[in-house]
Amino acid sequence: MNELDYLRQMRSLNRPVTPHRDLWADIDARLGEAPVIAHPRRRRAQPWLMAAAIAGVAVLSGGVGLHLARPTGSDGMASTTQPWKPADPRLSGAAVELDAAHMELTQAMKDSPDSPALQRLLLRTERQRDRLRNFEKQAG
């Protein structure tokens, strides 16, 4: 069989085919035999739906509460801490770099305050600064 024969067979499958007998008569007879039972359904709140709704409200209110509790400066951004100078000379270079990055990011945030990328970078810089302070505490 070549490709031309294959295409001819495919085209012959595209024609409508009538069934050998009428199927609707059997379907109608079966529908007439089946009893119709109508049960009124009571809508009852599922316990797990209630629990999920309460959990969702709790998470949402907690997120809003954390957002509102975050201290902000006069420009609406998160308040910045003053430049920090660690006593340990091994950490002072990193502290200077983090302070410079923090200042540059806050300056960029003034130009575009709604930038999610800048907000993520600023948050990451603040976390690194906190981590560095923890290293200083651990070093003693």
N, C-alpha and C. Protein backbone atom coordinates (compact mmCIF):
# COMPACT_ATOMS: atom_id res chain seq x y z
N MET A 1 0.85 -1.16 0.00
CA MET A 1 0.00 0.00 0.00
C MET A 1 0.91 1.24 0.00
N ASN A 2 0.62 2.13 -0.92
CA ASN A 2 1.41 3.36 -0.98
C ASN A 2 0.63 4.50 -0.31
N GLU A 3 1.23 5.67 -0.37
CA GLU A 3 0.64 6.82 0.31
C GLU A 3 -0.68 7.25 -0.32
N LEU A 4 -0.79 7.13 -1.64
CA LEU A 4 -2.02 7.51 -2.33
C LEU A 4 -3.19 6.63 -1.91
N ASP A 5 -2.95 5.32 -1.79
CA ASP A 5 -4.02 4.41 -1.32
C ASP A 5 -4.41 4.73 0.12
N TYR A 6 -3.44 5.05 0.91
CA TYR A 6 -3.70 5.39 2.30
C TYR A 6 -4.59 6.64 2.38
N LEU A 7 -4.30 7.66 1.57
CA LEU A 7 -5.11 8.88 1.56
C LEU A 7 -6.53 8.61 1.07
N ARG A 8 -6.70 7.75 0.11
CA ARG A 8 -8.04 7.39 -0.37
C ARG A 8 -8.85 6.72 0.73
N GLN A 9 -8.21 5.83 1.46
CA GLN A 9 -8.91 5.17 2.56
C GLN A 9 -9.29 6.18 3.64
N MET A 10 -8.43 7.13 3.90
CA MET A 10 -8.73 8.14 4.91
C MET A 10 -9.92 9.00 4.47
N ARG A 11 -9.98 9.36 3.18
CA ARG A 11 -11.11 10.16 2.69
C ARG A 11 -12.41 9.38 2.75
N SER A 12 -12.36 8.07 2.57
CA SER A 12 -13.59 7.27 2.62
C SER A 12 -14.13 7.20 4.06
N LEU A 13 -13.28 7.38 5.04
CA LEU A 13 -13.74 7.38 6.42
C LEU A 13 -14.48 8.67 6.78
N ASN A 14 -14.35 9.70 5.98
CA ASN A 14 -14.94 11.00 6.25
C ASN A 14 -16.43 11.06 5.88
N ARG A 15 -16.97 10.04 5.25
CA ARG A 15 -18.37 10.05 4.82
C ARG A 15 -19.29 9.66 5.96
N PRO A 16 -20.51 10.21 5.99
CA PRO A 16 -21.44 9.86 7.07
C PRO A 16 -21.88 8.39 6.95
N VAL A 17 -22.08 7.77 8.10
CA VAL A 17 -22.49 6.37 8.15
C VAL A 17 -23.81 6.30 8.93
N THR A 18 -24.80 5.63 8.34
CA THR A 18 -26.08 5.48 9.03
C THR A 18 -26.07 4.14 9.77
N PRO A 19 -26.63 4.11 10.99
CA PRO A 19 -26.66 2.85 11.73
C PRO A 19 -27.63 1.87 11.08
N HIS A 20 -27.44 0.59 11.37
CA HIS A 20 -28.27 -0.45 10.79
C HIS A 20 -29.69 -0.44 11.33
N ARG A 21 -29.87 0.04 12.57
CA ARG A 21 -31.20 0.13 13.15
C ARG A 21 -31.32 1.46 13.90
N ASP A 22 -32.52 1.85 14.20
CA ASP A 22 -32.78 3.12 14.87
C ASP A 22 -32.50 2.96 16.37
N LEU A 23 -31.55 3.73 16.87
CA LEU A 23 -31.14 3.61 18.27
C LEU A 23 -32.07 4.39 19.21
N TRP A 24 -32.75 5.40 18.71
CA TRP A 24 -33.57 6.25 19.59
C TRP A 24 -34.77 5.52 20.16
N ALA A 25 -35.29 4.57 19.46
CA ALA A 25 -36.44 3.82 19.99
C ALA A 25 -36.04 3.06 21.25
N ASP A 26 -34.88 2.41 21.25
CA ASP A 26 -34.40 1.69 22.43
C ASP A 26 -34.11 2.65 23.58
N ILE A 27 -33.51 3.80 23.28
CA ILE A 27 -33.19 4.78 24.32
C ILE A 27 -34.47 5.31 24.95
N ASP A 28 -35.45 5.62 24.13
CA ASP A 28 -36.72 6.15 24.63
C ASP A 28 -37.43 5.11 25.49
N ALA A 29 -37.37 3.87 25.10
CA ALA A 29 -38.03 2.81 25.88
C ALA A 29 -37.35 2.65 27.24
N ARG A 30 -36.05 2.69 27.27
CA ARG A 30 -35.33 2.55 28.54
C ARG A 30 -35.59 3.75 29.46
N LEU A 31 -35.69 4.94 28.88
CA LEU A 31 -35.97 6.12 29.70
C LEU A 31 -37.37 6.06 30.28
N GLY A 32 -38.31 5.49 29.54
CA GLY A 32 -39.68 5.37 30.03
C GLY A 32 -39.79 4.36 31.15
N GLU A 33 -38.93 3.33 31.19
CA GLU A 33 -38.98 2.30 32.22
C GLU A 33 -38.37 2.79 33.53
N ALA A 34 -37.37 3.64 33.47
CA ALA A 34 -36.64 4.06 34.68
C ALA A 34 -37.50 4.99 35.52
N PRO A 35 -37.67 4.68 36.80
CA PRO A 35 -38.45 5.57 37.66
C PRO A 35 -37.65 6.85 37.94
N VAL A 36 -38.38 7.93 38.01
CA VAL A 36 -37.76 9.22 38.29
C VAL A 36 -37.90 9.49 39.78
N ILE A 37 -36.76 9.57 40.46
CA ILE A 37 -36.76 9.80 41.90
C ILE A 37 -36.13 11.16 42.14
N ALA A 38 -36.90 12.01 42.76
CA ALA A 38 -36.40 13.35 43.04
C ALA A 38 -36.20 13.47 44.54
N HIS A 39 -34.97 13.58 44.93
CA HIS A 39 -34.64 13.79 46.33
C HIS A 39 -34.27 15.24 46.53
N PRO A 40 -34.94 15.90 47.42
CA PRO A 40 -34.52 17.29 47.68
C PRO A 40 -33.18 17.29 48.41
N ARG A 41 -32.24 18.02 47.88
CA ARG A 41 -30.91 18.08 48.49
C ARG A 41 -30.84 19.25 49.43
N ARG A 42 -30.46 18.96 50.63
CA ARG A 42 -30.25 20.04 51.58
C ARG A 42 -28.81 20.50 51.47
N ARG A 43 -28.66 21.79 51.35
CA ARG A 43 -27.31 22.35 51.30
C ARG A 43 -26.84 22.53 52.73
N ARG A 44 -25.83 21.82 53.09
CA ARG A 44 -25.29 21.89 54.43
C ARG A 44 -23.81 22.24 54.33
N ALA A 45 -23.37 23.13 55.15
CA ALA A 45 -21.97 23.52 55.12
C ALA A 45 -21.12 22.34 55.58
N GLN A 46 -20.16 22.00 54.76
CA GLN A 46 -19.24 20.93 55.10
C GLN A 46 -18.29 21.42 56.19
N PRO A 47 -17.97 20.59 57.16
CA PRO A 47 -17.06 21.03 58.23
C PRO A 47 -15.68 21.42 57.70
N TRP A 48 -15.18 20.71 56.71
CA TRP A 48 -13.85 21.04 56.20
C TRP A 48 -13.86 22.34 55.42
N LEU A 49 -15.00 22.69 54.80
CA LEU A 49 -15.08 23.98 54.13
C LEU A 49 -15.06 25.13 55.14
N MET A 50 -15.74 24.92 56.25
CA MET A 50 -15.73 25.94 57.30
C MET A 50 -14.31 26.10 57.86
N ALA A 51 -13.62 24.99 58.09
CA ALA A 51 -12.26 25.06 58.63
C ALA A 51 -11.32 25.74 57.65
N ALA A 52 -11.49 25.45 56.37
CA ALA A 52 -10.64 26.08 55.36
C ALA A 52 -10.91 27.58 55.28
N ALA A 53 -12.16 27.97 55.42
CA ALA A 53 -12.49 29.40 55.39
C ALA A 53 -11.91 30.12 56.60
N ILE A 54 -11.99 29.50 57.75
CA ILE A 54 -11.43 30.12 58.96
C ILE A 54 -9.92 30.22 58.85
N ALA A 55 -9.27 29.18 58.33
CA ALA A 55 -7.82 29.22 58.16
C ALA A 55 -7.42 30.29 57.16
N GLY A 56 -8.17 30.43 56.09
CA GLY A 56 -7.87 31.47 55.10
C GLY A 56 -8.00 32.86 55.68
N VAL A 57 -9.03 33.08 56.45
CA VAL A 57 -9.21 34.39 57.08
C VAL A 57 -8.08 34.67 58.07
N ALA A 58 -7.66 33.64 58.82
CA ALA A 58 -6.57 33.80 59.79
C ALA A 58 -5.27 34.15 59.09
N VAL A 59 -4.97 33.46 57.99
CA VAL A 59 -3.73 33.75 57.25
C VAL A 59 -3.78 35.15 56.65
N LEU A 60 -4.89 35.51 56.08
CA LEU A 60 -5.02 36.83 55.48
C LEU A 60 -4.90 37.93 56.52
N SER A 61 -5.57 37.77 57.65
CA SER A 61 -5.49 38.81 58.68
C SER A 61 -4.10 38.87 59.29
N GLY A 62 -3.43 37.74 59.42
CA GLY A 62 -2.06 37.74 59.92
C GLY A 62 -1.11 38.46 58.97
N GLY A 63 -1.27 38.23 57.67
CA GLY A 63 -0.43 38.92 56.69
C GLY A 63 -0.67 40.42 56.70
N VAL A 64 -1.92 40.81 56.79
CA VAL A 64 -2.23 42.24 56.84
C VAL A 64 -1.67 42.85 58.12
N GLY A 65 -1.79 42.13 59.23
CA GLY A 65 -1.27 42.63 60.50
C GLY A 65 0.24 42.80 60.47
N LEU A 66 0.94 41.83 59.88
CA LEU A 66 2.40 41.95 59.77
C LEU A 66 2.79 43.12 58.87
N HIS A 67 2.04 43.30 57.80
CA HIS A 67 2.34 44.40 56.89
C HIS A 67 2.12 45.74 57.57
N LEU A 68 1.06 45.86 58.35
CA LEU A 68 0.77 47.11 59.02
C LEU A 68 1.70 47.37 60.20
N ALA A 69 2.22 46.31 60.81
CA ALA A 69 3.10 46.47 61.96
C ALA A 69 4.53 46.82 61.54
N ARG A 70 4.85 46.68 60.28
CA ARG A 70 6.20 46.97 59.81
C ARG A 70 6.43 48.47 59.88
N PRO A 71 7.48 48.92 60.57
CA PRO A 71 7.71 50.36 60.69
C PRO A 71 8.10 50.97 59.35
N THR A 72 7.53 52.13 59.07
CA THR A 72 7.85 52.82 57.82
C THR A 72 8.38 54.20 58.14
N GLY A 73 9.18 54.70 57.22
CA GLY A 73 9.72 56.04 57.36
C GLY A 73 8.75 57.07 56.82
N SER A 74 9.21 58.28 56.68
CA SER A 74 8.33 59.36 56.21
C SER A 74 7.98 59.20 54.73
N ASP A 75 8.83 58.48 53.97
CA ASP A 75 8.56 58.32 52.55
C ASP A 75 7.74 57.08 52.25
N GLY A 76 7.28 56.36 53.28
CA GLY A 76 6.42 55.19 53.07
C GLY A 76 7.18 53.90 52.92
N MET A 77 8.52 53.96 52.87
CA MET A 77 9.31 52.74 52.74
C MET A 77 9.67 52.23 54.13
N ALA A 78 10.18 51.01 54.18
CA ALA A 78 10.58 50.44 55.46
C ALA A 78 11.69 51.32 56.04
N SER A 79 11.61 51.50 57.36
CA SER A 79 12.59 52.38 57.98
C SER A 79 13.98 51.76 57.88
N THR A 80 14.95 52.59 57.64
CA THR A 80 16.31 52.11 57.47
C THR A 80 17.06 52.32 58.77
N THR A 81 18.00 51.45 58.99
CA THR A 81 18.82 51.59 60.18
C THR A 81 20.04 52.42 59.82
N GLN A 82 20.64 52.97 60.82
CA GLN A 82 21.84 53.80 60.61
C GLN A 82 23.00 52.90 60.20
N PRO A 83 23.98 53.46 59.52
CA PRO A 83 25.15 52.64 59.17
C PRO A 83 25.75 52.03 60.43
N TRP A 84 26.13 50.81 60.30
CA TRP A 84 26.59 50.03 61.45
C TRP A 84 28.05 49.71 61.27
N LYS A 85 28.81 49.90 62.33
CA LYS A 85 30.24 49.60 62.29
C LYS A 85 30.53 48.53 63.33
N PRO A 86 30.81 47.32 62.86
CA PRO A 86 31.08 46.25 63.82
C PRO A 86 32.44 46.44 64.49
N ALA A 87 32.55 45.91 65.69
CA ALA A 87 33.81 46.00 66.42
C ALA A 87 34.84 45.04 65.85
N ASP A 88 34.38 43.96 65.27
CA ASP A 88 35.29 42.96 64.70
C ASP A 88 35.79 43.44 63.34
N PRO A 89 37.09 43.62 63.14
CA PRO A 89 37.59 44.14 61.86
C PRO A 89 37.34 43.18 60.69
N ARG A 90 37.13 41.90 60.97
CA ARG A 90 36.86 40.95 59.88
C ARG A 90 35.49 41.19 59.26
N LEU A 91 34.57 41.78 60.01
CA LEU A 91 33.22 42.01 59.52
C LEU A 91 33.01 43.43 58.99
N SER A 92 33.96 44.32 59.24
CA SER A 92 33.74 45.73 58.88
C SER A 92 33.67 45.94 57.37
N GLY A 93 34.45 45.20 56.60
CA GLY A 93 34.39 45.35 55.14
C GLY A 93 33.04 44.96 54.59
N ALA A 94 32.51 43.85 55.09
CA ALA A 94 31.19 43.41 54.64
C ALA A 94 30.12 44.40 55.08
N ALA A 95 30.27 44.97 56.27
CA ALA A 95 29.29 45.94 56.75
C ALA A 95 29.29 47.18 55.87
N VAL A 96 30.46 47.64 55.47
CA VAL A 96 30.55 48.82 54.59
C VAL A 96 29.87 48.53 53.25
N GLU A 97 30.12 47.35 52.70
CA GLU A 97 29.51 46.98 51.41
C GLU A 97 27.99 46.89 51.53
N LEU A 98 27.50 46.30 52.60
CA LEU A 98 26.05 46.17 52.78
C LEU A 98 25.40 47.53 53.00
N ASP A 99 26.08 48.42 53.74
CA ASP A 99 25.53 49.77 53.94
C ASP A 99 25.47 50.53 52.62
N ALA A 100 26.52 50.39 51.80
CA ALA A 100 26.53 51.08 50.50
C ALA A 100 25.42 50.53 49.60
N ALA A 101 25.26 49.22 49.60
CA ALA A 101 24.20 48.60 48.78
C ALA A 101 22.83 49.06 49.27
N HIS A 102 22.67 49.14 50.58
CA HIS A 102 21.40 49.56 51.16
C HIS A 102 21.08 51.00 50.76
N MET A 103 22.08 51.87 50.82
CA MET A 103 21.87 53.28 50.43
C MET A 103 21.50 53.39 48.96
N GLU A 104 22.19 52.63 48.09
CA GLU A 104 21.89 52.67 46.66
C GLU A 104 20.47 52.16 46.38
N LEU A 105 20.09 51.11 47.06
CA LEU A 105 18.75 50.55 46.85
C LEU A 105 17.66 51.49 47.34
N THR A 106 17.88 52.15 48.47
CA THR A 106 16.87 53.09 48.95
C THR A 106 16.76 54.29 48.01
N GLN A 107 17.88 54.70 47.43
CA GLN A 107 17.85 55.79 46.45
C GLN A 107 17.08 55.35 45.20
N ALA A 108 17.32 54.13 44.75
CA ALA A 108 16.60 53.61 43.58
C ALA A 108 15.11 53.44 43.88
N MET A 109 14.78 53.09 45.12
CA MET A 109 13.38 52.93 45.50
C MET A 109 12.65 54.26 45.47
N LYS A 110 13.36 55.36 45.71
CA LYS A 110 12.71 56.66 45.62
C LYS A 110 12.31 56.98 44.18
N ASP A 111 13.10 56.49 43.21
CA ASP A 111 12.78 56.71 41.79
C ASP A 111 11.61 55.84 41.33
N SER A 112 11.61 54.59 41.77
CA SER A 112 10.51 53.69 41.39
C SER A 112 10.09 52.88 42.62
N PRO A 113 9.19 53.43 43.43
CA PRO A 113 8.82 52.78 44.70
C PRO A 113 8.01 51.50 44.54
N ASP A 114 7.41 51.27 43.40
CA ASP A 114 6.57 50.09 43.22
C ASP A 114 7.30 48.92 42.58
N SER A 115 8.61 49.01 42.45
CA SER A 115 9.37 47.95 41.79
C SER A 115 9.54 46.75 42.72
N PRO A 116 8.96 45.60 42.34
CA PRO A 116 9.10 44.42 43.20
C PRO A 116 10.53 43.90 43.25
N ALA A 117 11.28 44.08 42.17
CA ALA A 117 12.66 43.60 42.15
C ALA A 117 13.50 44.40 43.15
N LEU A 118 13.32 45.71 43.18
CA LEU A 118 14.07 46.53 44.13
C LEU A 118 13.66 46.22 45.56
N GLN A 119 12.39 45.96 45.78
CA GLN A 119 11.92 45.62 47.13
C GLN A 119 12.54 44.31 47.59
N ARG A 120 12.63 43.31 46.68
CA ARG A 120 13.25 42.04 47.04
C ARG A 120 14.73 42.23 47.35
N LEU A 121 15.44 43.04 46.54
CA LEU A 121 16.85 43.27 46.80
C LEU A 121 17.07 44.00 48.12
N LEU A 122 16.22 44.97 48.41
CA LEU A 122 16.35 45.70 49.67
C LEU A 122 16.11 44.77 50.86
N LEU A 123 15.11 43.92 50.76
CA LEU A 123 14.83 42.96 51.83
C LEU A 123 15.99 41.99 52.00
N ARG A 124 16.55 41.52 50.89
CA ARG A 124 17.69 40.60 50.96
C ARG A 124 18.89 41.28 51.60
N THR A 125 19.13 42.55 51.28
CA THR A 125 20.24 43.28 51.88
C THR A 125 20.04 43.44 53.37
N GLU A 126 18.81 43.74 53.80
CA GLU A 126 18.53 43.86 55.23
C GLU A 126 18.72 42.53 55.95
N ARG A 127 18.35 41.44 55.31
CA ARG A 127 18.56 40.11 55.91
C ARG A 127 20.04 39.81 56.05
N GLN A 128 20.82 40.15 55.03
CA GLN A 128 22.27 39.92 55.10
C GLN A 128 22.89 40.76 56.20
N ARG A 129 22.40 41.98 56.37
CA ARG A 129 22.91 42.85 57.43
C ARG A 129 22.58 42.24 58.80
N ASP A 130 21.37 41.71 58.96
CA ASP A 130 20.99 41.06 60.21
C ASP A 130 21.85 39.82 60.47
N ARG A 131 22.12 39.06 59.42
CA ARG A 131 22.96 37.88 59.56
C ARG A 131 24.38 38.26 60.00
N LEU A 132 24.88 39.35 59.45
CA LEU A 132 26.21 39.83 59.82
C LEU A 132 26.24 40.26 61.28
N ARG A 133 25.16 40.90 61.74
CA ARG A 133 25.09 41.29 63.15
C ARG A 133 25.06 40.06 64.06
N ASN A 134 24.37 39.02 63.61
CA ASN A 134 24.35 37.77 64.39
C ASN A 134 25.73 37.13 64.45
N PHE A 135 26.49 37.21 63.34
CA PHE A 135 27.86 36.68 63.35
C PHE A 135 28.70 37.43 64.37
N GLU A 136 28.51 38.74 64.46
CA GLU A 136 29.28 39.52 65.43
C GLU A 136 28.93 39.12 66.85
N LYS A 137 27.64 38.89 67.11
CA LYS A 137 27.22 38.47 68.45
C LYS A 137 27.81 37.11 68.80
N GLN A 138 27.83 36.20 67.80
CA GLN A 138 28.37 34.87 68.05
C GLN A 138 29.88 34.90 68.26
N ALA A 139 30.56 35.81 67.54
CA ALA A 139 32.01 35.91 67.67
C ALA A 139 32.40 36.49 69.02
N GLY A 140 31.53 37.28 69.59
CA GLY A 140 31.76 37.84 70.91
C GLY A 140 32.58 39.01 70.86
